[in-house]
N, C-alpha and C. Protein backbone atom coordinates (compact mmCIF):
# COMPACT_ATOMS: atom_id res chain seq x y z
N MET A 1 183.22 59.85 90.06
CA MET A 1 182.11 60.76 90.20
C MET A 1 182.23 61.53 91.51
N THR A 2 181.88 62.77 91.46
CA THR A 2 181.97 63.60 92.65
C THR A 2 180.72 63.41 93.46
N ASP A 3 180.87 63.36 94.75
CA ASP A 3 179.70 63.22 95.63
C ASP A 3 179.19 64.61 95.95
N HIS A 4 178.03 64.94 95.40
CA HIS A 4 177.44 66.27 95.59
C HIS A 4 176.52 66.33 96.79
N LEU A 5 176.45 65.24 97.51
CA LEU A 5 175.51 65.15 98.61
C LEU A 5 175.75 66.23 99.65
N TYR A 6 176.96 66.59 99.88
CA TYR A 6 177.23 67.49 100.98
C TYR A 6 177.48 68.92 100.52
N GLU A 7 177.35 69.18 99.23
CA GLU A 7 177.51 70.55 98.76
C GLU A 7 176.21 71.29 98.98
N SER A 8 176.23 72.32 99.73
CA SER A 8 174.99 73.00 100.09
C SER A 8 174.51 73.96 99.03
N ASP A 9 175.38 74.38 98.14
CA ASP A 9 174.96 75.33 97.12
C ASP A 9 174.53 74.64 95.84
N GLU A 10 174.40 73.33 95.87
CA GLU A 10 174.00 72.57 94.68
C GLU A 10 172.50 72.77 94.45
N SER A 11 172.14 73.08 93.19
CA SER A 11 170.72 73.30 92.89
C SER A 11 170.02 71.97 92.62
N ILE A 12 168.74 72.04 92.64
CA ILE A 12 167.92 70.85 92.37
C ILE A 12 168.24 70.31 90.99
N PHE A 13 168.41 71.19 90.05
CA PHE A 13 168.69 70.76 88.68
C PHE A 13 170.05 70.06 88.61
N GLU A 14 171.03 70.58 89.36
CA GLU A 14 172.35 69.95 89.37
C GLU A 14 172.27 68.56 89.98
N ILE A 15 171.50 68.42 91.06
CA ILE A 15 171.33 67.11 91.70
C ILE A 15 170.68 66.15 90.71
N LEU A 16 169.64 66.60 90.04
CA LEU A 16 168.96 65.74 89.06
C LEU A 16 169.92 65.35 87.93
N GLU A 17 170.68 66.30 87.43
CA GLU A 17 171.63 66.02 86.33
C GLU A 17 172.67 65.00 86.77
N SER A 18 173.16 65.14 88.00
CA SER A 18 174.18 64.20 88.47
C SER A 18 173.58 62.81 88.66
N LEU A 19 172.33 62.73 89.14
CA LEU A 19 171.68 61.42 89.29
C LEU A 19 171.49 60.76 87.93
N VAL A 20 171.05 61.53 86.94
CA VAL A 20 170.87 60.99 85.59
C VAL A 20 172.22 60.50 85.05
N ALA A 21 173.28 61.28 85.25
CA ALA A 21 174.61 60.89 84.78
C ALA A 21 175.09 59.62 85.47
N GLU A 22 174.88 59.49 86.78
CA GLU A 22 175.30 58.30 87.52
C GLU A 22 174.59 57.06 86.99
N VAL A 23 173.25 57.19 86.70
CA VAL A 23 172.52 56.03 86.17
C VAL A 23 173.05 55.69 84.78
N GLN A 24 173.33 56.69 83.97
CA GLN A 24 173.83 56.44 82.62
C GLN A 24 175.23 55.81 82.64
N GLU A 25 176.06 56.20 83.60
CA GLU A 25 177.44 55.71 83.68
C GLU A 25 177.56 54.45 84.52
N ALA A 26 176.48 54.01 85.13
CA ALA A 26 176.55 52.85 86.02
C ALA A 26 176.90 51.60 85.22
N LYS A 27 177.55 50.67 85.89
CA LYS A 27 177.97 49.43 85.25
C LYS A 27 176.75 48.55 85.05
N SER A 28 176.67 47.91 83.88
CA SER A 28 175.55 47.02 83.56
C SER A 28 175.76 45.66 84.20
N VAL A 29 174.66 45.04 84.58
CA VAL A 29 174.68 43.68 85.08
C VAL A 29 174.82 42.79 83.84
N PRO A 30 175.74 41.84 83.84
CA PRO A 30 175.91 41.01 82.65
C PRO A 30 174.60 40.32 82.23
N LEU A 31 174.39 40.27 80.92
CA LEU A 31 173.22 39.63 80.30
C LEU A 31 171.91 40.28 80.74
N SER A 32 171.90 41.58 81.02
CA SER A 32 170.70 42.26 81.49
C SER A 32 170.81 43.74 81.12
N SER A 33 169.66 44.40 81.13
CA SER A 33 169.66 45.85 80.91
C SER A 33 169.70 46.60 82.24
N ASN A 34 169.77 45.88 83.35
CA ASN A 34 169.85 46.48 84.67
C ASN A 34 171.26 47.00 84.93
N VAL A 35 171.35 47.97 85.87
CA VAL A 35 172.65 48.54 86.22
C VAL A 35 172.89 48.41 87.71
N LEU A 36 174.15 48.49 88.11
CA LEU A 36 174.51 48.43 89.53
C LEU A 36 174.69 49.86 90.02
N ILE A 37 173.95 50.18 91.06
CA ILE A 37 174.03 51.52 91.65
C ILE A 37 174.11 51.34 93.15
N ASP A 38 174.88 52.21 93.79
CA ASP A 38 175.00 52.19 95.25
C ASP A 38 173.68 52.70 95.83
N ARG A 39 172.95 51.80 96.46
CA ARG A 39 171.62 52.10 96.98
C ARG A 39 171.68 53.21 98.02
N ASP A 40 172.57 53.12 98.99
CA ASP A 40 172.65 54.12 100.07
C ASP A 40 172.94 55.51 99.50
N MET A 41 173.88 55.54 98.54
CA MET A 41 174.23 56.83 97.93
C MET A 41 173.02 57.39 97.17
N LEU A 42 172.32 56.53 96.40
CA LEU A 42 171.16 56.99 95.63
C LEU A 42 170.05 57.49 96.55
N LEU A 43 169.77 56.74 97.62
CA LEU A 43 168.72 57.16 98.56
C LEU A 43 169.10 58.48 99.23
N ALA A 44 170.33 58.62 99.61
CA ALA A 44 170.76 59.86 100.26
C ALA A 44 170.60 61.03 99.30
N ARG A 45 170.97 60.86 98.04
CA ARG A 45 170.84 61.93 97.06
C ARG A 45 169.37 62.27 96.83
N LEU A 46 168.50 61.24 96.72
CA LEU A 46 167.06 61.48 96.52
C LEU A 46 166.46 62.20 97.72
N GLN A 47 166.89 61.82 98.94
CA GLN A 47 166.37 62.49 100.13
C GLN A 47 166.80 63.96 100.17
N LYS A 48 168.07 64.20 99.74
CA LYS A 48 168.54 65.58 99.69
C LYS A 48 167.72 66.35 98.67
N LEU A 49 167.48 65.70 97.52
CA LEU A 49 166.68 66.34 96.47
C LEU A 49 165.28 66.68 97.01
N GLN A 50 164.72 65.74 97.74
CA GLN A 50 163.38 65.95 98.33
C GLN A 50 163.43 67.12 99.32
N ALA A 51 164.47 67.17 100.10
CA ALA A 51 164.58 68.24 101.09
C ALA A 51 164.82 69.59 100.42
N GLU A 52 165.48 69.57 99.26
CA GLU A 52 165.80 70.80 98.55
C GLU A 52 164.61 71.35 97.75
N LEU A 53 163.56 70.55 97.62
CA LEU A 53 162.41 71.03 96.85
C LEU A 53 161.92 72.32 97.48
N PRO A 54 161.68 73.32 96.68
CA PRO A 54 161.24 74.59 97.25
C PRO A 54 159.84 74.48 97.86
N ASN A 55 159.62 75.30 98.87
CA ASN A 55 158.31 75.33 99.52
C ASN A 55 157.22 75.71 98.52
N GLU A 56 157.58 76.51 97.52
CA GLU A 56 156.62 76.90 96.50
C GLU A 56 156.07 75.69 95.76
N LEU A 57 156.97 74.69 95.54
CA LEU A 57 156.52 73.48 94.85
C LEU A 57 155.52 72.71 95.71
N ARG A 58 155.80 72.62 97.00
CA ARG A 58 154.84 71.95 97.91
C ARG A 58 153.52 72.74 97.95
N ALA A 59 153.67 74.06 98.02
CA ALA A 59 152.47 74.92 98.06
C ALA A 59 151.70 74.78 96.75
N ALA A 60 152.43 74.70 95.64
CA ALA A 60 151.77 74.55 94.34
C ALA A 60 151.03 73.21 94.29
N ARG A 61 151.67 72.15 94.81
CA ARG A 61 151.00 70.84 94.84
C ARG A 61 149.75 70.91 95.69
N TRP A 62 149.83 71.59 96.85
CA TRP A 62 148.66 71.75 97.71
C TRP A 62 147.58 72.57 96.98
N MET A 63 148.03 73.63 96.27
CA MET A 63 147.08 74.47 95.54
C MET A 63 146.39 73.69 94.43
N VAL A 64 147.13 72.81 93.77
CA VAL A 64 146.53 71.98 92.72
C VAL A 64 145.45 71.09 93.31
N ARG A 65 145.76 70.48 94.47
CA ARG A 65 144.74 69.63 95.12
C ARG A 65 143.53 70.45 95.54
N GLU A 66 143.78 71.62 96.12
CA GLU A 66 142.68 72.49 96.53
C GLU A 66 141.87 72.96 95.33
N ARG A 67 142.57 73.26 94.24
CA ARG A 67 141.88 73.69 93.02
C ARG A 67 140.98 72.58 92.49
N GLU A 68 141.50 71.35 92.49
CA GLU A 68 140.70 70.22 92.03
C GLU A 68 139.47 70.02 92.92
N ALA A 69 139.65 70.17 94.25
CA ALA A 69 138.52 70.04 95.17
C ALA A 69 137.52 71.17 94.93
N PHE A 70 138.04 72.39 94.72
CA PHE A 70 137.17 73.54 94.45
C PHE A 70 136.38 73.34 93.16
N ILE A 71 137.07 72.86 92.14
CA ILE A 71 136.40 72.60 90.85
C ILE A 71 135.32 71.55 91.02
N ALA A 72 135.62 70.49 91.79
CA ALA A 72 134.62 69.45 92.03
C ALA A 72 133.41 70.04 92.76
N ARG A 73 133.67 70.86 93.80
CA ARG A 73 132.54 71.50 94.53
C ARG A 73 131.77 72.44 93.61
N THR A 74 132.51 73.21 92.81
CA THR A 74 131.87 74.15 91.89
C THR A 74 131.04 73.42 90.85
N ASN A 75 131.58 72.33 90.32
CA ASN A 75 130.82 71.54 89.34
C ASN A 75 129.56 70.95 89.97
N GLU A 76 129.68 70.51 91.22
CA GLU A 76 128.51 69.96 91.91
C GLU A 76 127.45 71.05 92.11
N ARG A 77 127.92 72.23 92.53
CA ARG A 77 126.99 73.35 92.73
C ARG A 77 126.36 73.79 91.41
N ALA A 78 127.18 73.81 90.35
CA ALA A 78 126.66 74.17 89.03
C ALA A 78 125.62 73.16 88.58
N LYS A 79 125.86 71.87 88.86
CA LYS A 79 124.87 70.85 88.49
C LYS A 79 123.58 71.05 89.27
N GLU A 80 123.69 71.37 90.56
CA GLU A 80 122.49 71.64 91.36
C GLU A 80 121.71 72.82 90.79
N ILE A 81 122.44 73.90 90.46
CA ILE A 81 121.79 75.09 89.90
C ILE A 81 121.14 74.76 88.57
N THR A 82 121.86 74.01 87.74
CA THR A 82 121.31 73.61 86.43
C THR A 82 120.07 72.74 86.61
N ASP A 83 120.14 71.79 87.55
CA ASP A 83 118.98 70.93 87.79
C ASP A 83 117.79 71.76 88.26
N LYS A 84 118.04 72.72 89.18
CA LYS A 84 116.95 73.58 89.65
C LYS A 84 116.39 74.42 88.51
N ALA A 85 117.29 74.95 87.67
CA ALA A 85 116.85 75.77 86.53
C ALA A 85 116.03 74.93 85.56
N ASN A 86 116.46 73.70 85.32
CA ASN A 86 115.70 72.82 84.42
C ASN A 86 114.33 72.50 85.01
N ALA A 87 114.30 72.23 86.32
CA ALA A 87 113.01 71.94 86.96
C ALA A 87 112.09 73.16 86.88
N GLU A 88 112.64 74.34 87.16
CA GLU A 88 111.84 75.57 87.08
C GLU A 88 111.37 75.81 85.64
N SER A 89 112.25 75.53 84.70
CA SER A 89 111.89 75.69 83.28
C SER A 89 110.74 74.75 82.93
N ARG A 90 110.85 73.50 83.38
CA ARG A 90 109.75 72.54 83.11
C ARG A 90 108.45 73.00 83.76
N ARG A 91 108.58 73.55 85.01
CA ARG A 91 107.38 74.03 85.70
C ARG A 91 106.77 75.20 84.94
N LEU A 92 107.61 76.13 84.51
CA LEU A 92 107.10 77.29 83.78
C LEU A 92 106.48 76.88 82.46
N VAL A 93 107.11 75.94 81.78
CA VAL A 93 106.55 75.45 80.52
C VAL A 93 105.21 74.79 80.80
N SER A 94 105.16 74.01 81.89
CA SER A 94 103.91 73.36 82.26
C SER A 94 102.86 74.41 82.61
N ASP A 95 103.27 75.41 83.42
CA ASP A 95 102.34 76.49 83.78
C ASP A 95 101.89 77.23 82.52
N ASN A 96 102.82 77.47 81.63
CA ASN A 96 102.51 78.15 80.37
C ASN A 96 101.53 77.32 79.56
N HIS A 97 101.74 76.00 79.57
CA HIS A 97 100.83 75.11 78.85
C HIS A 97 99.43 75.17 79.48
N VAL A 98 99.39 75.13 80.81
CA VAL A 98 98.11 75.22 81.52
C VAL A 98 97.44 76.56 81.20
N LEU A 99 98.25 77.63 81.22
CA LEU A 99 97.72 78.96 80.92
C LEU A 99 97.19 79.00 79.48
N ALA A 100 97.95 78.43 78.55
CA ALA A 100 97.51 78.42 77.15
C ALA A 100 96.21 77.64 77.01
N GLU A 101 96.10 76.51 77.71
CA GLU A 101 94.85 75.74 77.67
C GLU A 101 93.70 76.55 78.26
N ALA A 102 93.96 77.24 79.37
CA ALA A 102 92.92 78.05 80.01
C ALA A 102 92.49 79.19 79.09
N VAL A 103 93.45 79.82 78.44
CA VAL A 103 93.12 80.91 77.50
C VAL A 103 92.30 80.36 76.35
N GLU A 104 92.71 79.21 75.82
CA GLU A 104 91.96 78.60 74.70
C GLU A 104 90.54 78.25 75.14
N GLU A 105 90.42 77.67 76.34
CA GLU A 105 89.09 77.32 76.84
C GLU A 105 88.24 78.58 77.06
N ALA A 106 88.87 79.64 77.58
CA ALA A 106 88.16 80.90 77.78
C ALA A 106 87.71 81.47 76.44
N ASN A 107 88.58 81.38 75.43
CA ASN A 107 88.21 81.85 74.09
C ASN A 107 87.04 81.05 73.52
N VAL A 108 87.05 79.75 73.74
CA VAL A 108 85.94 78.91 73.27
C VAL A 108 84.65 79.32 73.98
N LEU A 109 84.75 79.53 75.31
CA LEU A 109 83.55 79.94 76.06
C LEU A 109 83.06 81.31 75.60
N VAL A 110 83.96 82.23 75.34
CA VAL A 110 83.56 83.57 74.87
C VAL A 110 82.88 83.46 73.50
N ARG A 111 83.49 82.66 72.59
CA ARG A 111 82.87 82.49 71.26
C ARG A 111 81.50 81.84 71.38
N ARG A 112 81.38 80.87 72.27
CA ARG A 112 80.09 80.20 72.47
C ARG A 112 79.08 81.18 73.04
N ALA A 113 79.50 81.99 74.03
CA ALA A 113 78.60 82.98 74.63
C ALA A 113 78.20 84.02 73.60
N GLU A 114 79.17 84.45 72.76
CA GLU A 114 78.82 85.41 71.70
C GLU A 114 77.83 84.81 70.73
N GLY A 115 78.02 83.54 70.37
CA GLY A 115 77.08 82.85 69.47
C GLY A 115 75.70 82.73 70.10
N ASP A 116 75.67 82.35 71.39
CA ASP A 116 74.39 82.24 72.10
C ASP A 116 73.71 83.60 72.18
N SER A 117 74.50 84.63 72.47
CA SER A 117 73.95 85.98 72.56
C SER A 117 73.38 86.42 71.21
N ARG A 118 74.12 86.18 70.13
CA ARG A 118 73.63 86.56 68.80
C ARG A 118 72.33 85.80 68.46
N ARG A 119 72.31 84.49 68.77
CA ARG A 119 71.11 83.68 68.51
C ARG A 119 69.93 84.20 69.31
N MET A 120 70.17 84.50 70.63
CA MET A 120 69.08 84.98 71.47
C MET A 120 68.59 86.34 70.98
N ARG A 121 69.50 87.18 70.54
CA ARG A 121 69.09 88.50 70.04
C ARG A 121 68.25 88.34 68.77
N LEU A 122 68.70 87.47 67.87
CA LEU A 122 67.93 87.26 66.63
C LEU A 122 66.55 86.69 66.94
N GLU A 123 66.50 85.75 67.88
CA GLU A 123 65.20 85.19 68.26
C GLU A 123 64.31 86.28 68.85
N ALA A 124 64.87 87.14 69.73
CA ALA A 124 64.09 88.22 70.33
C ALA A 124 63.63 89.20 69.26
N GLU A 125 64.53 89.53 68.32
CA GLU A 125 64.14 90.44 67.23
C GLU A 125 63.03 89.83 66.39
N ASP A 126 63.14 88.52 66.10
CA ASP A 126 62.08 87.85 65.33
C ASP A 126 60.75 87.89 66.09
N GLU A 127 60.80 87.64 67.39
CA GLU A 127 59.57 87.66 68.18
C GLU A 127 58.98 89.07 68.22
N ILE A 128 59.84 90.07 68.44
CA ILE A 128 59.36 91.46 68.46
C ILE A 128 58.79 91.84 67.11
N ASP A 129 59.48 91.42 66.02
CA ASP A 129 58.99 91.71 64.68
C ASP A 129 57.61 91.08 64.46
N GLY A 130 57.41 89.86 64.98
CA GLY A 130 56.10 89.22 64.87
C GLY A 130 55.02 90.01 65.61
N HIS A 131 55.36 90.45 66.84
CA HIS A 131 54.41 91.25 67.62
C HIS A 131 54.11 92.57 66.90
N LEU A 132 55.16 93.23 66.41
CA LEU A 132 54.96 94.50 65.70
C LEU A 132 54.12 94.30 64.44
N SER A 133 54.31 93.18 63.76
CA SER A 133 53.51 92.89 62.55
C SER A 133 52.04 92.72 62.92
N ARG A 134 51.77 91.99 64.00
CA ARG A 134 50.38 91.83 64.43
C ARG A 134 49.78 93.16 64.86
N ILE A 135 50.56 93.98 65.58
CA ILE A 135 50.07 95.30 66.00
C ILE A 135 49.81 96.16 64.77
N GLU A 136 50.73 96.07 63.77
CA GLU A 136 50.53 96.84 62.54
C GLU A 136 49.23 96.40 61.84
N THR A 137 48.99 95.10 61.80
CA THR A 137 47.77 94.60 61.19
C THR A 137 46.55 95.11 61.95
N LEU A 138 46.62 95.05 63.28
CA LEU A 138 45.50 95.53 64.09
C LEU A 138 45.28 97.02 63.87
N LEU A 139 46.39 97.78 63.85
CA LEU A 139 46.25 99.22 63.65
C LEU A 139 45.70 99.54 62.26
N THR A 140 46.16 98.75 61.25
CA THR A 140 45.64 98.96 59.90
C THR A 140 44.13 98.68 59.87
N GLU A 141 43.72 97.59 60.51
CA GLU A 141 42.29 97.28 60.58
C GLU A 141 41.55 98.38 61.33
N LEU A 142 42.13 98.82 62.45
CA LEU A 142 41.50 99.87 63.26
C LEU A 142 41.41 101.16 62.46
N LEU A 143 42.45 101.51 61.71
CA LEU A 143 42.43 102.71 60.88
C LEU A 143 41.36 102.59 59.79
N GLY A 144 41.27 101.38 59.22
CA GLY A 144 40.21 101.16 58.22
C GLY A 144 38.83 101.37 58.83
N ARG A 145 38.59 100.89 60.04
CA ARG A 145 37.31 101.06 60.70
C ARG A 145 37.06 102.53 61.03
N VAL A 146 38.13 103.24 61.43
CA VAL A 146 37.98 104.66 61.73
C VAL A 146 37.56 105.40 60.48
N HIS A 147 38.20 105.09 59.33
CA HIS A 147 37.81 105.73 58.06
C HIS A 147 36.35 105.39 57.69
N PHE A 148 36.06 104.12 57.86
CA PHE A 148 34.70 103.69 57.52
C PHE A 148 33.69 104.41 58.43
N THR A 149 33.98 104.45 59.71
CA THR A 149 33.07 105.09 60.66
C THR A 149 32.96 106.58 60.36
N ARG A 150 33.98 107.24 60.01
CA ARG A 150 33.92 108.65 59.67
C ARG A 150 33.10 108.86 58.41
N ASP A 151 33.34 107.96 57.43
CA ASP A 151 32.55 108.07 56.21
C ASP A 151 31.06 107.92 56.55
N GLU A 152 30.73 106.96 57.35
CA GLU A 152 29.34 106.74 57.72
C GLU A 152 28.80 107.94 58.49
N PHE A 153 29.63 108.44 59.34
CA PHE A 153 29.22 109.60 60.12
C PHE A 153 28.91 110.78 59.20
N TYR A 154 29.73 111.04 58.20
CA TYR A 154 29.48 112.15 57.27
C TYR A 154 28.27 111.86 56.38
N ARG A 155 28.04 110.64 56.00
CA ARG A 155 26.87 110.32 55.17
C ARG A 155 25.59 110.44 55.98
N ALA A 156 25.69 110.13 57.22
CA ALA A 156 24.49 110.17 58.04
C ALA A 156 24.15 111.59 58.47
N ARG A 157 24.92 112.48 58.23
CA ARG A 157 24.69 113.86 58.61
C ARG A 157 23.59 114.46 57.72
N PRO A 158 22.73 115.17 58.31
CA PRO A 158 21.68 115.78 57.47
C PRO A 158 22.27 116.88 56.62
N LYS A 159 21.73 117.03 55.49
CA LYS A 159 22.19 118.05 54.60
C LYS A 159 21.73 119.38 55.14
N PRO A 160 22.53 120.37 54.94
CA PRO A 160 22.14 121.68 55.43
C PRO A 160 20.93 122.19 54.64
N PRO A 161 20.13 122.92 55.23
CA PRO A 161 18.93 123.46 54.52
C PRO A 161 19.36 124.42 53.46
N GLU A 162 18.58 124.42 52.44
CA GLU A 162 18.90 125.31 51.34
C GLU A 162 18.41 126.71 51.73
N VAL A 163 19.23 127.57 51.56
CA VAL A 163 18.92 128.96 51.89
C VAL A 163 18.53 129.62 50.58
N PRO A 164 17.37 130.29 50.61
CA PRO A 164 16.98 130.96 49.37
C PRO A 164 17.85 132.17 49.14
N TYR A 165 18.00 132.45 47.85
CA TYR A 165 18.83 133.58 47.46
C TYR A 165 17.92 134.70 47.04
N ASP A 166 17.41 135.19 47.30
CA ASP A 166 16.62 136.28 46.77
C ASP A 166 17.03 137.56 47.19
């Protein structure tokens, strides 16, 4: 096997392929599925691979962590907003319920006041009608007396003297 450790133009993929090939070609330990690999050589190759990792990969790993932290903060903020919205919704529903009860109570009071007003008006009309009926009776009696008195007055009048016609 060629030692690619010191080749500077070797790509990450080539290093990985050679490591996979070395593990596949390594001698097996008798009566086991384990293989014998040169530890120092393997560590050196892995360290080179680690050093060869592009900065973009490290930046991407950092960005993934930052993204996860941002999502966690955003989810927390969204939960706070949702909780506030739910509380406000409950308050508005409660206020709406209170308002609906107040409107219903006001409607009951208005209907009761209208009923009381109608009853009082009918009672006043009945009382006025009673007074007018008594006044009508009095006036009818008074008119009857006026007629009677006029009749008496005309009957009591002396007859005019007879004038001779000659």
